Amino acid sequence: MEQFTIIEILDGGVKHIEKDERFCLACLTDDYERLVIWGSHDNTNNLKAVSGKQPPFVIECDFVEPEGRSAEKYGDAYWVGEDDPLSIIE
């Protein structure tokens, strides 16, 4: 697991991606990298944990390297899956 300091919530908060029936929350880290937290109708735990916090704050989580056209388009550096462990450190 790795720690990230979140300095900004991007794009106005949680977004619903209708075609995939998923949700995402894009955040900016203190290294100015884009970290995206994913969720679904069945699991929004990570989204709920982060979306109510006022930056700056620190999270500890597992992540995967983004792939595909959308990751390239938005410049995503990290993806945190809905089932990946995530906790708020402060």
N, C-alpha and C. Protein backbone atom coordinates (compact mmCIF):
# COMPACT_ATOMS: atom_id res chain seq x y z
N MET A 1 0.84 -1.17 0.00
CA MET A 1 0.00 0.00 0.00
C MET A 1 0.89 1.24 0.00
N GLU A 2 0.35 2.29 -0.55
CA GLU A 2 1.11 3.53 -0.65
C GLU A 2 0.28 4.69 -0.11
N GLN A 3 0.97 5.70 0.38
CA GLN A 3 0.28 6.89 0.88
C GLN A 3 0.33 8.00 -0.15
N PHE A 4 -0.79 8.73 -0.25
CA PHE A 4 -0.91 9.87 -1.15
C PHE A 4 -1.53 11.03 -0.39
N THR A 5 -0.98 12.21 -0.55
CA THR A 5 -1.61 13.41 -0.01
C THR A 5 -2.49 14.00 -1.10
N ILE A 6 -3.78 14.08 -0.80
CA ILE A 6 -4.75 14.63 -1.74
C ILE A 6 -4.87 16.13 -1.47
N ILE A 7 -4.59 16.93 -2.51
CA ILE A 7 -4.65 18.39 -2.32
C ILE A 7 -5.88 19.02 -2.98
N GLU A 8 -6.56 18.24 -3.85
CA GLU A 8 -7.74 18.78 -4.51
C GLU A 8 -8.61 17.65 -5.03
N ILE A 9 -9.93 17.85 -4.93
CA ILE A 9 -10.90 16.96 -5.57
C ILE A 9 -11.21 17.60 -6.93
N LEU A 10 -11.05 16.84 -7.99
CA LEU A 10 -11.20 17.38 -9.34
C LEU A 10 -12.59 17.14 -9.92
N ASP A 11 -12.89 17.86 -10.96
CA ASP A 11 -14.10 17.64 -11.77
C ASP A 11 -15.40 17.76 -10.99
N GLY A 12 -15.40 18.48 -9.89
CA GLY A 12 -16.63 18.72 -9.15
C GLY A 12 -17.11 17.55 -8.30
N GLY A 13 -16.29 16.54 -8.08
CA GLY A 13 -16.67 15.43 -7.21
C GLY A 13 -16.95 14.14 -7.96
N VAL A 14 -17.77 13.30 -7.36
CA VAL A 14 -18.05 11.96 -7.91
C VAL A 14 -18.83 12.09 -9.22
N LYS A 15 -18.36 11.37 -10.23
CA LYS A 15 -19.02 11.35 -11.54
C LYS A 15 -19.59 9.96 -11.81
N HIS A 16 -20.75 9.92 -12.45
CA HIS A 16 -21.37 8.66 -12.86
C HIS A 16 -21.06 8.44 -14.33
N ILE A 17 -20.51 7.28 -14.65
CA ILE A 17 -20.20 6.92 -16.03
C ILE A 17 -21.27 5.94 -16.47
N GLU A 18 -22.25 6.45 -17.19
CA GLU A 18 -23.45 5.67 -17.51
C GLU A 18 -23.16 4.43 -18.33
N LYS A 19 -22.29 4.53 -19.34
CA LYS A 19 -22.07 3.38 -20.22
C LYS A 19 -21.48 2.18 -19.49
N ASP A 20 -20.71 2.45 -18.41
CA ASP A 20 -20.10 1.36 -17.63
C ASP A 20 -20.84 1.10 -16.33
N GLU A 21 -21.83 1.95 -16.01
CA GLU A 21 -22.54 1.86 -14.72
C GLU A 21 -21.56 1.87 -13.55
N ARG A 22 -20.59 2.78 -13.64
CA ARG A 22 -19.60 2.93 -12.58
C ARG A 22 -19.55 4.38 -12.15
N PHE A 23 -18.86 4.61 -11.05
CA PHE A 23 -18.64 5.95 -10.53
C PHE A 23 -17.14 6.17 -10.39
N CYS A 24 -16.71 7.42 -10.49
CA CYS A 24 -15.30 7.72 -10.27
C CYS A 24 -15.16 9.06 -9.58
N LEU A 25 -14.07 9.19 -8.86
CA LEU A 25 -13.72 10.43 -8.18
C LEU A 25 -12.26 10.71 -8.49
N ALA A 26 -12.01 11.79 -9.21
CA ALA A 26 -10.64 12.16 -9.57
C ALA A 26 -10.08 13.12 -8.53
N CYS A 27 -8.85 12.83 -8.11
CA CYS A 27 -8.18 13.64 -7.09
C CYS A 27 -6.81 14.06 -7.61
N LEU A 28 -6.30 15.16 -7.09
CA LEU A 28 -4.96 15.62 -7.41
C LEU A 28 -4.07 15.40 -6.20
N THR A 29 -2.93 14.74 -6.41
CA THR A 29 -1.99 14.48 -5.32
C THR A 29 -1.02 15.66 -5.18
N ASP A 30 -0.27 15.64 -4.09
CA ASP A 30 0.70 16.72 -3.88
C ASP A 30 1.86 16.66 -4.86
N ASP A 31 1.97 15.58 -5.62
CA ASP A 31 2.95 15.48 -6.71
C ASP A 31 2.33 15.92 -8.04
N TYR A 32 1.12 16.47 -7.96
CA TYR A 32 0.36 16.95 -9.13
C TYR A 32 0.10 15.82 -10.13
N GLU A 33 -0.24 14.66 -9.59
CA GLU A 33 -0.64 13.51 -10.40
C GLU A 33 -2.12 13.23 -10.14
N ARG A 34 -2.77 12.70 -11.13
CA ARG A 34 -4.20 12.43 -11.06
C ARG A 34 -4.43 11.00 -10.55
N LEU A 35 -5.12 10.88 -9.43
CA LEU A 35 -5.47 9.60 -8.83
C LEU A 35 -6.99 9.47 -8.91
N VAL A 36 -7.46 8.36 -9.49
CA VAL A 36 -8.90 8.16 -9.68
C VAL A 36 -9.36 6.98 -8.83
N ILE A 37 -10.40 7.22 -8.04
CA ILE A 37 -11.00 6.19 -7.20
C ILE A 37 -12.28 5.72 -7.88
N TRP A 38 -12.41 4.41 -8.04
CA TRP A 38 -13.55 3.83 -8.76
C TRP A 38 -14.54 3.18 -7.80
N GLY A 39 -15.79 3.13 -8.22
CA GLY A 39 -16.84 2.46 -7.46
C GLY A 39 -17.96 2.01 -8.38
N SER A 40 -18.91 1.28 -7.82
CA SER A 40 -20.07 0.80 -8.57
C SER A 40 -21.30 0.93 -7.68
N HIS A 41 -22.45 0.60 -8.24
CA HIS A 41 -23.67 0.63 -7.43
C HIS A 41 -23.55 -0.31 -6.24
N ASP A 42 -22.81 -1.41 -6.41
CA ASP A 42 -22.67 -2.41 -5.35
C ASP A 42 -21.63 -2.04 -4.30
N ASN A 43 -20.68 -1.17 -4.64
CA ASN A 43 -19.60 -0.86 -3.70
C ASN A 43 -19.13 0.58 -3.89
N THR A 44 -19.56 1.44 -3.00
CA THR A 44 -19.13 2.85 -3.03
C THR A 44 -18.32 3.22 -1.78
N ASN A 45 -17.83 2.24 -1.07
CA ASN A 45 -17.13 2.50 0.20
C ASN A 45 -15.95 3.46 0.05
N ASN A 46 -15.08 3.21 -0.93
CA ASN A 46 -13.91 4.08 -1.11
C ASN A 46 -14.34 5.49 -1.51
N LEU A 47 -15.34 5.58 -2.37
CA LEU A 47 -15.83 6.89 -2.80
C LEU A 47 -16.40 7.67 -1.61
N LYS A 48 -17.18 7.00 -0.79
CA LYS A 48 -17.77 7.66 0.39
C LYS A 48 -16.69 8.12 1.36
N ALA A 49 -15.65 7.32 1.54
CA ALA A 49 -14.59 7.65 2.48
C ALA A 49 -13.87 8.93 2.07
N VAL A 50 -13.70 9.13 0.78
CA VAL A 50 -12.90 10.26 0.30
C VAL A 50 -13.75 11.47 -0.07
N SER A 51 -14.92 11.25 -0.62
CA SER A 51 -15.70 12.37 -1.18
C SER A 51 -16.14 13.39 -0.14
N GLY A 52 -16.27 13.00 1.10
CA GLY A 52 -16.69 13.94 2.13
C GLY A 52 -15.56 14.69 2.81
N LYS A 53 -14.33 14.37 2.45
CA LYS A 53 -13.16 14.98 3.11
C LYS A 53 -12.80 16.31 2.45
N GLN A 54 -12.30 17.21 3.29
CA GLN A 54 -11.82 18.51 2.81
C GLN A 54 -10.30 18.44 2.64
N PRO A 55 -9.77 18.63 1.43
CA PRO A 55 -8.32 18.59 1.23
C PRO A 55 -7.62 19.74 1.98
N PRO A 56 -6.37 19.53 2.34
CA PRO A 56 -5.55 18.34 2.08
C PRO A 56 -5.78 17.25 3.13
N PHE A 57 -5.62 16.01 2.69
CA PHE A 57 -5.68 14.86 3.58
C PHE A 57 -4.86 13.74 2.96
N VAL A 58 -4.52 12.75 3.76
CA VAL A 58 -3.67 11.65 3.31
C VAL A 58 -4.50 10.36 3.27
N ILE A 59 -4.35 9.62 2.17
CA ILE A 59 -4.96 8.29 2.07
C ILE A 59 -3.85 7.26 1.93
N GLU A 60 -4.17 6.05 2.37
CA GLU A 60 -3.30 4.91 2.15
C GLU A 60 -4.11 3.89 1.38
N CYS A 61 -3.57 3.41 0.26
CA CYS A 61 -4.38 2.52 -0.58
C CYS A 61 -3.50 1.68 -1.50
N ASP A 62 -4.11 0.63 -2.02
CA ASP A 62 -3.54 -0.11 -3.13
C ASP A 62 -4.01 0.56 -4.41
N PHE A 63 -3.28 0.37 -5.49
CA PHE A 63 -3.68 0.97 -6.77
C PHE A 63 -3.14 0.12 -7.91
N VAL A 64 -3.64 0.40 -9.09
CA VAL A 64 -3.11 -0.20 -10.31
C VAL A 64 -2.74 0.94 -11.26
N GLU A 65 -1.88 0.62 -12.20
CA GLU A 65 -1.53 1.60 -13.21
C GLU A 65 -2.67 1.68 -14.22
N PRO A 66 -3.13 2.88 -14.53
CA PRO A 66 -4.23 3.04 -15.48
C PRO A 66 -3.84 2.55 -16.87
N GLU A 67 -4.86 2.12 -17.61
CA GLU A 67 -4.61 1.68 -18.98
C GLU A 67 -5.81 2.08 -19.85
N GLY A 68 -5.57 2.14 -21.11
CA GLY A 68 -6.64 2.43 -22.05
C GLY A 68 -6.70 3.90 -22.45
N ARG A 69 -7.62 4.17 -23.37
CA ARG A 69 -7.72 5.51 -23.95
C ARG A 69 -8.17 6.56 -22.94
N SER A 70 -9.09 6.21 -22.05
CA SER A 70 -9.56 7.22 -21.11
C SER A 70 -8.45 7.63 -20.15
N ALA A 71 -7.62 6.69 -19.74
CA ALA A 71 -6.50 7.01 -18.85
C ALA A 71 -5.53 7.96 -19.55
N GLU A 72 -5.28 7.69 -20.82
CA GLU A 72 -4.41 8.55 -21.62
C GLU A 72 -5.03 9.93 -21.80
N LYS A 73 -6.31 9.95 -22.11
CA LYS A 73 -7.02 11.20 -22.37
C LYS A 73 -6.98 12.14 -21.17
N TYR A 74 -7.20 11.60 -19.97
CA TYR A 74 -7.28 12.42 -18.77
C TYR A 74 -5.95 12.54 -18.02
N GLY A 75 -4.97 11.76 -18.41
CA GLY A 75 -3.68 11.82 -17.74
C GLY A 75 -3.66 11.17 -16.37
N ASP A 76 -4.45 10.11 -16.21
CA ASP A 76 -4.51 9.41 -14.93
C ASP A 76 -3.16 8.76 -14.62
N ALA A 77 -2.72 8.88 -13.37
CA ALA A 77 -1.48 8.26 -12.92
C ALA A 77 -1.72 7.01 -12.08
N TYR A 78 -2.87 7.00 -11.34
CA TYR A 78 -3.19 5.87 -10.45
C TYR A 78 -4.68 5.61 -10.50
N TRP A 79 -5.05 4.34 -10.44
CA TRP A 79 -6.44 3.95 -10.28
C TRP A 79 -6.57 3.12 -9.01
N VAL A 80 -7.55 3.47 -8.19
CA VAL A 80 -7.88 2.72 -6.99
C VAL A 80 -9.22 2.05 -7.24
N GLY A 81 -9.22 0.72 -7.29
CA GLY A 81 -10.44 -0.03 -7.58
C GLY A 81 -11.42 -0.03 -6.42
N GLU A 82 -12.64 -0.34 -6.71
CA GLU A 82 -13.68 -0.33 -5.67
C GLU A 82 -13.40 -1.33 -4.56
N ASP A 83 -12.70 -2.41 -4.86
CA ASP A 83 -12.41 -3.43 -3.86
C ASP A 83 -11.00 -3.30 -3.27
N ASP A 84 -10.23 -2.33 -3.76
CA ASP A 84 -8.89 -2.13 -3.22
C ASP A 84 -8.99 -1.51 -1.82
N PRO A 85 -8.10 -1.91 -0.91
CA PRO A 85 -8.11 -1.31 0.42
C PRO A 85 -7.75 0.17 0.34
N LEU A 86 -8.49 0.99 1.08
CA LEU A 86 -8.23 2.43 1.15
C LEU A 86 -8.60 2.91 2.53
N SER A 87 -7.74 3.70 3.14
CA SER A 87 -8.07 4.29 4.43
C SER A 87 -7.57 5.72 4.46
N ILE A 88 -8.26 6.52 5.27
CA ILE A 88 -7.88 7.92 5.47
C ILE A 88 -6.88 7.97 6.61
N ILE A 89 -5.73 8.59 6.37
CA ILE A 89 -4.71 8.71 7.40
C ILE A 89 -4.83 10.06 8.11
N GLU A 90 -5.15 11.10 7.41
CA GLU A 90 -5.38 12.49 7.83
C GLU A 90 -4.50 13.38 7.10
